[in-house]
PDB file of all heavy atoms in Angstrom:
ATOM      1  N   LYS A   1      79.556  16.517 189.843  1.00  0.00           N
ATOM      2  CA  LYS A   1      79.563  15.337 190.837  1.00  0.00           C
ATOM      3  C   LYS A   1      78.431  15.657 191.830  1.00  0.00           C
ATOM      4  O   LYS A   1      78.623  16.061 192.872  1.00  0.00           O
ATOM      5  CB  LYS A   1      80.874  15.314 191.632  1.00  0.00           C
ATOM      6  CG  LYS A   1      82.193  15.225 190.677  1.00  0.00           C
ATOM      7  CD  LYS A   1      82.275  13.979 189.889  1.00  0.00           C
ATOM      8  CE  LYS A   1      83.613  13.845 189.024  1.00  0.00           C
ATOM      9  NZ  LYS A   1      83.450  13.910 187.646  1.00  0.00           N
ATOM     10  N   VAL A   2      77.187  15.341 191.244  1.00  0.00           N
ATOM     11  CA  VAL A   2      76.018  15.649 192.135  1.00  0.00           C
ATOM     12  C   VAL A   2      75.881  14.687 193.314  1.00  0.00           C
ATOM     13  O   VAL A   2      75.768  14.986 194.413  1.00  0.00           O
ATOM     14  CB  VAL A   2      74.805  15.576 191.313  1.00  0.00           C
ATOM     15  CG1 VAL A   2      73.482  15.568 192.102  1.00  0.00           C
ATOM     16  CG2 VAL A   2      74.844  16.752 190.309  1.00  0.00           C
ATOM     17  N   VAL A   3      75.945  13.283 193.018  1.00  0.00           N
ATOM     18  CA  VAL A   3      75.695  12.382 193.910  1.00  0.00           C
ATOM     19  C   VAL A   3      76.691  12.336 195.051  1.00  0.00           C
ATOM     20  O   VAL A   3      76.341  12.325 196.313  1.00  0.00           O
ATOM     21  CB  VAL A   3      75.624  10.839 193.321  1.00  0.00           C
ATOM     22  CG1 VAL A   3      75.539   9.851 194.325  1.00  0.00           C
ATOM     23  CG2 VAL A   3      74.599  10.927 192.239  1.00  0.00           C
ATOM     24  N   SER A   4      78.066  12.495 194.796  1.00  0.00           N
ATOM     25  CA  SER A   4      78.958  12.412 195.751  1.00  0.00           C
ATOM     26  C   SER A   4      78.993  13.743 196.702  1.00  0.00           C
ATOM     27  O   SER A   4      79.581  13.816 197.693  1.00  0.00           O
ATOM     28  CB  SER A   4      80.364  12.268 195.274  1.00  0.00           C
ATOM     29  OG  SER A   4      80.714  13.364 194.374  1.00  0.00           O
ATOM     30  N   ASN A   5      78.262  14.745 196.194  1.00  0.00           N
ATOM     31  CA  ASN A   5      78.162  16.089 197.009  1.00  0.00           C
ATOM     32  C   ASN A   5      76.669  16.406 197.311  1.00  0.00           C
ATOM     33  O   ASN A   5      76.477  17.513 197.561  1.00  0.00           O
ATOM     34  CB  ASN A   5      78.727  17.198 196.162  1.00  0.00           C
ATOM     35  CG  ASN A   5      80.129  17.022 195.952  1.00  0.00           C
ATOM     36  OD1 ASN A   5      80.935  17.037 196.725  1.00  0.00           O
ATOM     37  ND2 ASN A   5      80.541  16.767 194.566  1.00  0.00           N
ATOM     38  N   VAL A   6      75.975  15.518 197.529  1.00  0.00           N
ATOM     39  CA  VAL A   6      74.470  15.705 197.803  1.00  0.00           C
ATOM     40  C   VAL A   6      74.336  16.370 199.172  1.00  0.00           C
ATOM     41  O   VAL A   6      73.339  17.271 199.267  1.00  0.00           O
ATOM     42  CB  VAL A   6      73.688  14.376 197.832  1.00  0.00           C
ATOM     43  CG1 VAL A   6      74.066  13.471 199.018  1.00  0.00           C
ATOM     44  CG2 VAL A   6      72.179  14.610 197.807  1.00  0.00           C
ATOM     45  N   ARG A   7      75.171  16.237 200.145  1.00  0.00           N
ATOM     46  CA  ARG A   7      75.028  16.960 201.353  1.00  0.00           C
ATOM     47  C   ARG A   7      75.169  18.585 201.089  1.00  0.00           C
ATOM     48  O   ARG A   7      74.392  19.250 201.734  1.00  0.00           O
ATOM     49  CB  ARG A   7      76.212  16.700 202.244  1.00  0.00           C
ATOM     50  CG  ARG A   7      76.145  17.321 203.597  1.00  0.00           C
ATOM     51  CD  ARG A   7      77.289  16.851 204.658  1.00  0.00           C
ATOM     52  NE  ARG A   7      76.895  15.571 205.125  1.00  0.00           N
ATOM     53  CZ  ARG A   7      77.772  14.551 205.147  1.00  0.00           C
ATOM     54  NH1 ARG A   7      79.034  14.791 204.944  1.00  0.00           N
ATOM     55  NH2 ARG A   7      77.394  13.302 205.511  1.00  0.00           N
ATOM     56  N   ASP A   8      75.977  19.049 200.217  1.00  0.00           N
ATOM     57  CA  ASP A   8      76.001  20.312 199.819  1.00  0.00           C
ATOM     58  C   ASP A   8      74.742  20.930 199.142  1.00  0.00           C
ATOM     59  O   ASP A   8      74.517  22.182 199.176  1.00  0.00           O
ATOM     60  CB  ASP A   8      77.330  20.750 198.985  1.00  0.00           C
ATOM     61  CG  ASP A   8      78.593  20.470 199.744  1.00  0.00           C
ATOM     62  OD1 ASP A   8      78.598  20.586 201.011  1.00  0.00           O
ATOM     63  OD2 ASP A   8      79.462  20.195 199.005  1.00  0.00           O
ATOM     64  N   LEU A   9      74.037  20.073 198.434  1.00  0.00           N
ATOM     65  CA  LEU A   9      72.820  20.416 197.798  1.00  0.00           C
ATOM     66  C   LEU A   9      71.693  20.563 198.780  1.00  0.00           C
ATOM     67  O   LEU A   9      70.912  21.472 198.726  1.00  0.00           O
ATOM     68  CB  LEU A   9      72.478  19.468 196.710  1.00  0.00           C
ATOM     69  CG  LEU A   9      73.511  19.212 195.599  1.00  0.00           C
ATOM     70  CD1 LEU A   9      73.069  18.122 194.707  1.00  0.00           C
ATOM     71  CD2 LEU A   9      73.723  20.476 194.926  1.00  0.00           C
ATOM     72  N   VAL A  10      71.733  19.670 199.776  1.00  0.00           N
ATOM     73  CA  VAL A  10      70.580  19.611 200.796  1.00  0.00           C
ATOM     74  C   VAL A  10      70.791  20.820 201.811  1.00  0.00           C
ATOM     75  O   VAL A  10      69.954  21.428 202.260  1.00  0.00           O
ATOM     76  CB  VAL A  10      70.396  18.222 201.378  1.00  0.00           C
ATOM     77  CG1 VAL A  10      69.385  18.378 202.587  1.00  0.00           C
ATOM     78  CG2 VAL A  10      70.103  17.227 200.319  1.00  0.00           C
ATOM     79  N   HIS A  11      71.967  20.749 202.203  1.00  0.00           N
ATOM     80  CA  HIS A  11      72.530  21.789 203.187  1.00  0.00           C
ATOM     81  C   HIS A  11      73.482  22.687 202.768  1.00  0.00           C
ATOM     82  O   HIS A  11      74.767  22.304 202.870  1.00  0.00           O
ATOM     83  CB  HIS A  11      72.944  21.029 204.483  1.00  0.00           C
ATOM     84  CG  HIS A  11      71.881  20.108 205.120  1.00  0.00           C
ATOM     85  ND1 HIS A  11      70.761  20.523 205.733  1.00  0.00           N
ATOM     86  CD2 HIS A  11      71.857  18.762 205.134  1.00  0.00           C
ATOM     87  CE1 HIS A  11      70.144  19.446 206.006  1.00  0.00           C
ATOM     88  NE2 HIS A  11      70.768  18.415 205.798  1.00  0.00           N
ATOM     89  N   PRO A  12      73.207  23.807 202.098  1.00  0.00           N
ATOM     90  CA  PRO A  12      74.311  24.653 201.478  1.00  0.00           C
ATOM     91  C   PRO A  12      75.122  25.118 202.611  1.00  0.00           C
ATOM     92  O   PRO A  12      74.885  25.335 203.748  1.00  0.00           O
ATOM     93  CB  PRO A  12      73.409  25.916 200.996  1.00  0.00           C
ATOM     94  CG  PRO A  12      72.064  25.435 200.844  1.00  0.00           C
ATOM     95  CD  PRO A  12      71.852  24.438 201.895  1.00  0.00           C
ATOM     96  N   PRO A  13      76.499  25.132 202.226  1.00  0.00           N
ATOM     97  CA  PRO A  13      77.527  25.406 203.266  1.00  0.00           C
ATOM     98  C   PRO A  13      77.362  26.903 203.699  1.00  0.00           C
ATOM     99  O   PRO A  13      77.300  27.871 202.746  1.00  0.00           O
ATOM    100  CB  PRO A  13      78.883  25.175 202.464  1.00  0.00           C
ATOM    101  CG  PRO A  13      78.607  24.889 201.067  1.00  0.00           C
ATOM    102  CD  PRO A  13      77.139  24.670 200.978  1.00  0.00           C
ATOM    103  N   VAL A  14      77.338  27.107 204.986  1.00  0.00           N
ATOM    104  CA  VAL A  14      77.220  28.595 205.418  1.00  0.00           C
ATOM    105  C   VAL A  14      78.382  29.251 205.173  1.00  0.00           C
ATOM    106  O   VAL A  14      78.292  30.675 205.271  1.00  0.00           O
ATOM    107  CB  VAL A  14      76.771  28.473 206.937  1.00  0.00           C
ATOM    108  CG1 VAL A  14      75.328  27.850 207.186  1.00  0.00           C
ATOM    109  CG2 VAL A  14      77.836  27.889 207.790  1.00  0.00           C
ATOM    110  N   ASP A  15      79.512  28.829 205.031  1.00  0.00           N
ATOM    111  CA  ASP A  15      80.770  29.541 204.723  1.00  0.00           C
ATOM    112  C   ASP A  15      80.872  30.216 203.336  1.00  0.00           C
ATOM    113  O   ASP A  15      81.567  30.993 203.014  1.00  0.00           O
ATOM    114  CB  ASP A  15      81.970  28.674 204.895  1.00  0.00           C
ATOM    115  CG  ASP A  15      82.133  27.514 204.189  1.00  0.00           C
ATOM    116  OD1 ASP A  15      81.146  26.863 203.843  1.00  0.00           O
ATOM    117  OD2 ASP A  15      83.229  27.152 203.646  1.00  0.00           O
ATOM    118  N   GLU A  16      79.885  29.616 202.435  1.00  0.00           N
ATOM    119  CA  GLU A  16      79.754  30.102 201.097  1.00  0.00           C
ATOM    120  C   GLU A  16      78.462  30.910 201.004  1.00  0.00           C
ATOM    121  O   GLU A  16      77.476  30.452 200.509  1.00  0.00           O
ATOM    122  CB  GLU A  16      79.795  29.039 200.119  1.00  0.00           C
ATOM    123  CG  GLU A  16      81.121  28.330 200.085  1.00  0.00           C
ATOM    124  CD  GLU A  16      81.251  27.338 199.068  1.00  0.00           C
ATOM    125  OE1 GLU A  16      80.921  27.701 197.835  1.00  0.00           O
ATOM    126  OE2 GLU A  16      81.777  26.169 199.138  1.00  0.00           O
ATOM    127  N   VAL A  17      78.380  32.188 201.540  1.00  0.00           N
ATOM    128  CA  VAL A  17      77.102  32.860 201.490  1.00  0.00           C
ATOM    129  C   VAL A  17      77.272  34.004 200.307  1.00  0.00           C
ATOM    130  O   VAL A  17      78.022  34.736 200.340  1.00  0.00           O
ATOM    131  CB  VAL A  17      77.007  33.624 202.875  1.00  0.00           C
ATOM    132  CG1 VAL A  17      75.740  34.344 202.902  1.00  0.00           C
ATOM    133  CG2 VAL A  17      76.908  32.580 203.963  1.00  0.00           C
ATOM    134  N   TYR A  18      76.307  33.789 199.514  1.00  0.00           N
ATOM    135  CA  TYR A  18      76.114  34.720 198.281  1.00  0.00           C
ATOM    136  C   TYR A  18      74.892  35.598 198.652  1.00  0.00           C
ATOM    137  O   TYR A  18      73.779  34.976 198.651  1.00  0.00           O
ATOM    138  CB  TYR A  18      76.083  33.951 197.019  1.00  0.00           C
ATOM    139  CG  TYR A  18      77.318  33.256 196.874  1.00  0.00           C
ATOM    140  CD1 TYR A  18      77.369  31.920 197.269  1.00  0.00           C
ATOM    141  CD2 TYR A  18      78.484  33.907 196.362  1.00  0.00           C
ATOM    142  CE1 TYR A  18      78.523  31.179 197.012  1.00  0.00           C
ATOM    143  CE2 TYR A  18      79.618  33.163 196.261  1.00  0.00           C
ATOM    144  CZ  TYR A  18      79.738  31.823 196.477  1.00  0.00           C
ATOM    145  OH  TYR A  18      80.946  31.145 196.449  1.00  0.00           O
ATOM    146  N   ARG A  19      75.095  36.806 198.821  1.00  0.00           N
ATOM    147  CA  ARG A  19      73.878  37.751 199.236  1.00  0.00           C
ATOM    148  C   ARG A  19      73.532  38.492 198.161  1.00  0.00           C
ATOM    149  O   ARG A  19      74.179  39.086 197.289  1.00  0.00           O
ATOM    150  CB  ARG A  19      74.311  38.633 200.264  1.00  0.00           C
ATOM    151  CG  ARG A  19      74.704  37.940 201.597  1.00  0.00           C
ATOM    152  CD  ARG A  19      73.481  37.540 202.266  1.00  0.00           C
ATOM    153  NE  ARG A  19      73.788  36.750 203.558  1.00  0.00           N
ATOM    154  CZ  ARG A  19      73.189  35.761 203.829  1.00  0.00           C
ATOM    155  NH1 ARG A  19      72.121  35.251 203.217  1.00  0.00           N
ATOM    156  NH2 ARG A  19      73.558  35.138 205.053  1.00  0.00           N
ATOM    157  N   ALA A  20      72.134  38.574 198.031  1.00  0.00           N
ATOM    158  CA  ALA A  20      71.355  39.413 197.060  1.00  0.00           C
ATOM    159  C   ALA A  20      71.658  40.839 197.396  1.00  0.00           C
ATOM    160  O   ALA A  20      71.612  41.295 198.514  1.00  0.00           O
ATOM    161  CB  ALA A  20      69.961  39.059 197.052  1.00  0.00           C
ATOM    162  N   VAL A  21      71.868  41.609 196.342  1.00  0.00           N
ATOM    163  CA  VAL A  21      71.985  43.062 196.506  1.00  0.00           C
ATOM    164  C   VAL A  21      71.070  43.805 195.695  1.00  0.00           C
ATOM    165  O   VAL A  21      70.766  43.371 194.458  1.00  0.00           O
ATOM    166  CB  VAL A  21      73.328  43.521 196.068  1.00  0.00           C
ATOM    167  CG1 VAL A  21      73.621  45.044 196.233  1.00  0.00           C
ATOM    168  CG2 VAL A  21      74.590  42.841 196.812  1.00  0.00           C
ATOM    169  N   ALA A  22      70.159  44.673 196.309  1.00  0.00           N
ATOM    170  CA  ALA A  22      69.099  45.336 195.392  1.00  0.00           C
ATOM    171  C   ALA A  22      69.818  46.182 194.339  1.00  0.00           C
ATOM    172  O   ALA A  22      70.826  46.837 194.515  1.00  0.00           O
ATOM    173  CB  ALA A  22      68.347  46.393 196.546  1.00  0.00           C
ATOM    174  N   VAL A  23      69.212  46.317 193.234  1.00  0.00           N
ATOM    175  CA  VAL A  23      69.518  46.976 192.136  1.00  0.00           C
ATOM    176  C   VAL A  23      68.601  48.163 192.001  1.00  0.00           C
ATOM    177  O   VAL A  23      67.359  47.926 191.874  1.00  0.00           O
ATOM    178  CB  VAL A  23      69.432  46.167 190.848  1.00  0.00           C
ATOM    179  CG1 VAL A  23      69.881  47.080 189.537  1.00  0.00           C
ATOM    180  CG2 VAL A  23      70.421  45.023 190.851  1.00  0.00           C
ATOM    181  N   GLU A  24      69.082  49.303 192.217  1.00  0.00           N
ATOM    182  CA  GLU A  24      68.324  50.584 192.075  1.00  0.00           C
ATOM    183  C   GLU A  24      68.113  51.005 190.723  1.00  0.00           C
ATOM    184  O   GLU A  24      69.049  51.135 190.022  1.00  0.00           O
ATOM    185  CB  GLU A  24      68.809  51.659 193.013  1.00  0.00           C
ATOM    186  CG  GLU A  24      68.998  51.232 194.503  1.00  0.00           C
ATOM    187  CD  GLU A  24      67.716  50.940 195.107  1.00  0.00           C
ATOM    188  OE1 GLU A  24      66.628  51.518 194.745  1.00  0.00           O
ATOM    189  OE2 GLU A  24      67.659  49.960 195.980  1.00  0.00           O
ATOM    190  N   GLY A  25      66.968  51.399 190.364  1.00  0.00           N
ATOM    191  CA  GLY A  25      66.624  52.094 188.966  1.00  0.00           C
ATOM    192  C   GLY A  25      67.074  53.434 189.034  1.00  0.00           C
ATOM    193  O   GLY A  25      67.213  54.073 190.104  1.00  0.00           O
ATOM    194  N   LYS A  26      67.341  54.022 187.820  1.00  0.00           N
ATOM    195  CA  LYS A  26      67.646  55.384 187.665  1.00  0.00           C
ATOM    196  C   LYS A  26      66.447  56.192 187.193  1.00  0.00           C
ATOM    197  O   LYS A  26      65.640  55.704 186.529  1.00  0.00           O
ATOM    198  CB  LYS A  26      68.812  55.513 186.739  1.00  0.00           C
ATOM    199  CG  LYS A  26      70.124  54.786 187.272  1.00  0.00           C
ATOM    200  CD  LYS A  26      71.226  54.994 186.268  1.00  0.00           C
ATOM    201  CE  LYS A  26      72.491  54.313 186.849  1.00  0.00           C
ATOM    202  NZ  LYS A  26      73.530  54.328 185.866  1.00  0.00           N
ATOM    203  N   GLU A  27      66.540  57.318 187.598  1.00  0.00           N
ATOM    204  CA  GLU A  27      65.426  58.342 187.164  1.00  0.00           C
ATOM    205  C   GLU A  27      65.421  58.612 185.645  1.00  0.00           C
ATOM    206  O   GLU A  27      66.532  58.158 184.959  1.00  0.00           O
ATOM    207  CB  GLU A  27      65.372  59.588 187.925  1.00  0.00           C
ATOM    208  CG  GLU A  27      65.108  59.313 189.375  1.00  0.00           C
ATOM    209  CD  GLU A  27      63.840  58.488 189.752  1.00  0.00           C
ATOM    210  OE1 GLU A  27      62.810  58.861 189.006  1.00  0.00           O
ATOM    211  OE2 GLU A  27      63.868  57.661 190.568  1.00  0.00           O
ATOM    212  N   ALA A  28      64.749  59.585 185.008  1.00  0.00           N
ATOM    213  CA  ALA A  28      64.649  59.960 183.801  1.00  0.00           C
ATOM    214  C   ALA A  28      65.923  60.938 183.384  1.00  0.00           C
ATOM    215  O   ALA A  28      66.448  61.585 184.214  1.00  0.00           O
ATOM    216  CB  ALA A  28      63.291  60.491 183.368  1.00  0.00           C
ATOM    217  N   ASP A  29      66.358  60.785 182.133  1.00  0.00           N
ATOM    218  CA  ASP A  29      67.386  61.772 181.760  1.00  0.00           C
ATOM    219  C   ASP A  29      66.891  63.071 181.735  1.00  0.00           C
ATOM    220  O   ASP A  29      65.769  63.423 181.166  1.00  0.00           O
ATOM    221  CB  ASP A  29      67.853  61.303 180.253  1.00  0.00           C
ATOM    222  CG  ASP A  29      68.923  62.177 179.705  1.00  0.00           C
ATOM    223  OD1 ASP A  29      69.092  63.236 180.079  1.00  0.00           O
ATOM    224  OD2 ASP A  29      69.653  61.552 178.886  1.00  0.00           O
ATOM    225  N   PRO A  30      67.584  64.006 182.433  1.00  0.00           N
ATOM    226  CA  PRO A  30      67.053  65.293 182.551  1.00  0.00           C
ATOM    227  C   PRO A  30      66.975  66.098 181.140  1.00  0.00           C
ATOM    228  O   PRO A  30      66.080  66.902 180.980  1.00  0.00           O
ATOM    229  CB  PRO A  30      68.105  66.099 183.526  1.00  0.00           C
ATOM    230  CG  PRO A  30      69.068  65.144 183.828  1.00  0.00           C
ATOM    231  CD  PRO A  30      68.831  63.922 183.192  1.00  0.00           C
ATOM    232  N   GLY A  31      67.778  65.724 180.259  1.00  0.00           N
ATOM    233  CA  GLY A  31      67.825  66.454 179.035  1.00  0.00           C
ATOM    234  C   GLY A  31      66.651  65.987 178.132  1.00  0.00           C
ATOM    235  O   GLY A  31      66.037  66.745 177.413  1.00  0.00           O
ATOM    236  N   THR A  32      66.381  64.628 178.083  1.00  0.00           N
ATOM    237  CA  THR A  32      65.445  64.078 177.165  1.00  0.00           C
ATOM    238  C   THR A  32      64.196  63.655 177.813  1.00  0.00           C
ATOM    239  O   THR A  32      63.091  63.494 177.133  1.00  0.00           O
ATOM    240  CB  THR A  32      65.988  62.939 176.341  1.00  0.00           C
ATOM    241  OG1 THR A  32      66.307  61.883 177.301  1.00  0.00           O
ATOM    242  CG2 THR A  32      67.226  63.381 175.618  1.00  0.00           C
ATOM    243  N   GLY A  33      64.191  63.374 179.036  1.00  0.00           N
ATOM    244  CA  GLY A  33      63.079  62.916 179.748  1.00  0.00           C
ATOM    245  C   GLY A  33      62.831  61.346 179.656  1.00  0.00           C
ATOM    246  O   GLY A  33      61.956  60.672 180.109  1.00  0.00           O
ATOM    247  N   ASP A  34      63.877  60.733 178.764  1.00  0.00           N
ATOM    248  CA  ASP A  34      63.799  59.368 178.658  1.00  0.00           C
ATOM    249  C   ASP A  34      64.171  58.497 179.866  1.00  0.00           C
ATOM    250  O   ASP A  34      65.028  59.056 180.634  1.00  0.00           O
ATOM    251  CB  ASP A  34      64.528  58.902 177.488  1.00  0.00           C
ATOM    252  CG  ASP A  34      64.217  59.434 176.019  1.00  0.00           C
ATOM    253  OD1 ASP A  34      62.899  59.749 176.025  1.00  0.00           O
ATOM    254  OD2 ASP A  34      65.020  59.628 175.187  1.00  0.00           O
ATOM    255  N   ALA A  35      63.546  57.419 180.209  1.00  0.00           N
ATOM    256  CA  ALA A  35      63.968  56.563 181.256  1.00  0.00           C
ATOM    257  C   ALA A  35      65.371  56.051 180.975  1.00  0.00           C
ATOM    258  O   ALA A  35      65.769  55.646 179.869  1.00  0.00           O
ATOM    259  CB  ALA A  35      62.989  55.439 181.387  1.00  0.00           C
ATOM    260  N   LEU A  36      66.136  56.026 182.174  1.00  0.00           N
ATOM    261  CA  LEU A  36      67.535  55.645 181.990  1.00  0.00           C
ATOM    262  C   LEU A  36      67.629  54.084 182.428  1.00  0.00           C
ATOM    263  O   LEU A  36      66.836  53.729 183.423  1.00  0.00           O
ATOM    264  CB  LEU A  36      68.556  56.411 182.837  1.00  0.00           C
ATOM    265  CG  LEU A  36      68.734  57.819 182.477  1.00  0.00           C
ATOM    266  CD1 LEU A  36      69.514  58.573 183.439  1.00  0.00           C
ATOM    267  CD2 LEU A  36      69.391  57.874 181.100  1.00  0.00           C
TER     268      LEU A  36
END
């Protein structure tokens, strides 16, 4: 229901906050040296 909810598209509701979380990479496998 896009048209009837256009307000939520233009102004996202602040009570629904979805936050980005950094994804950390892992170092190489100590046994093989291959990237994990």
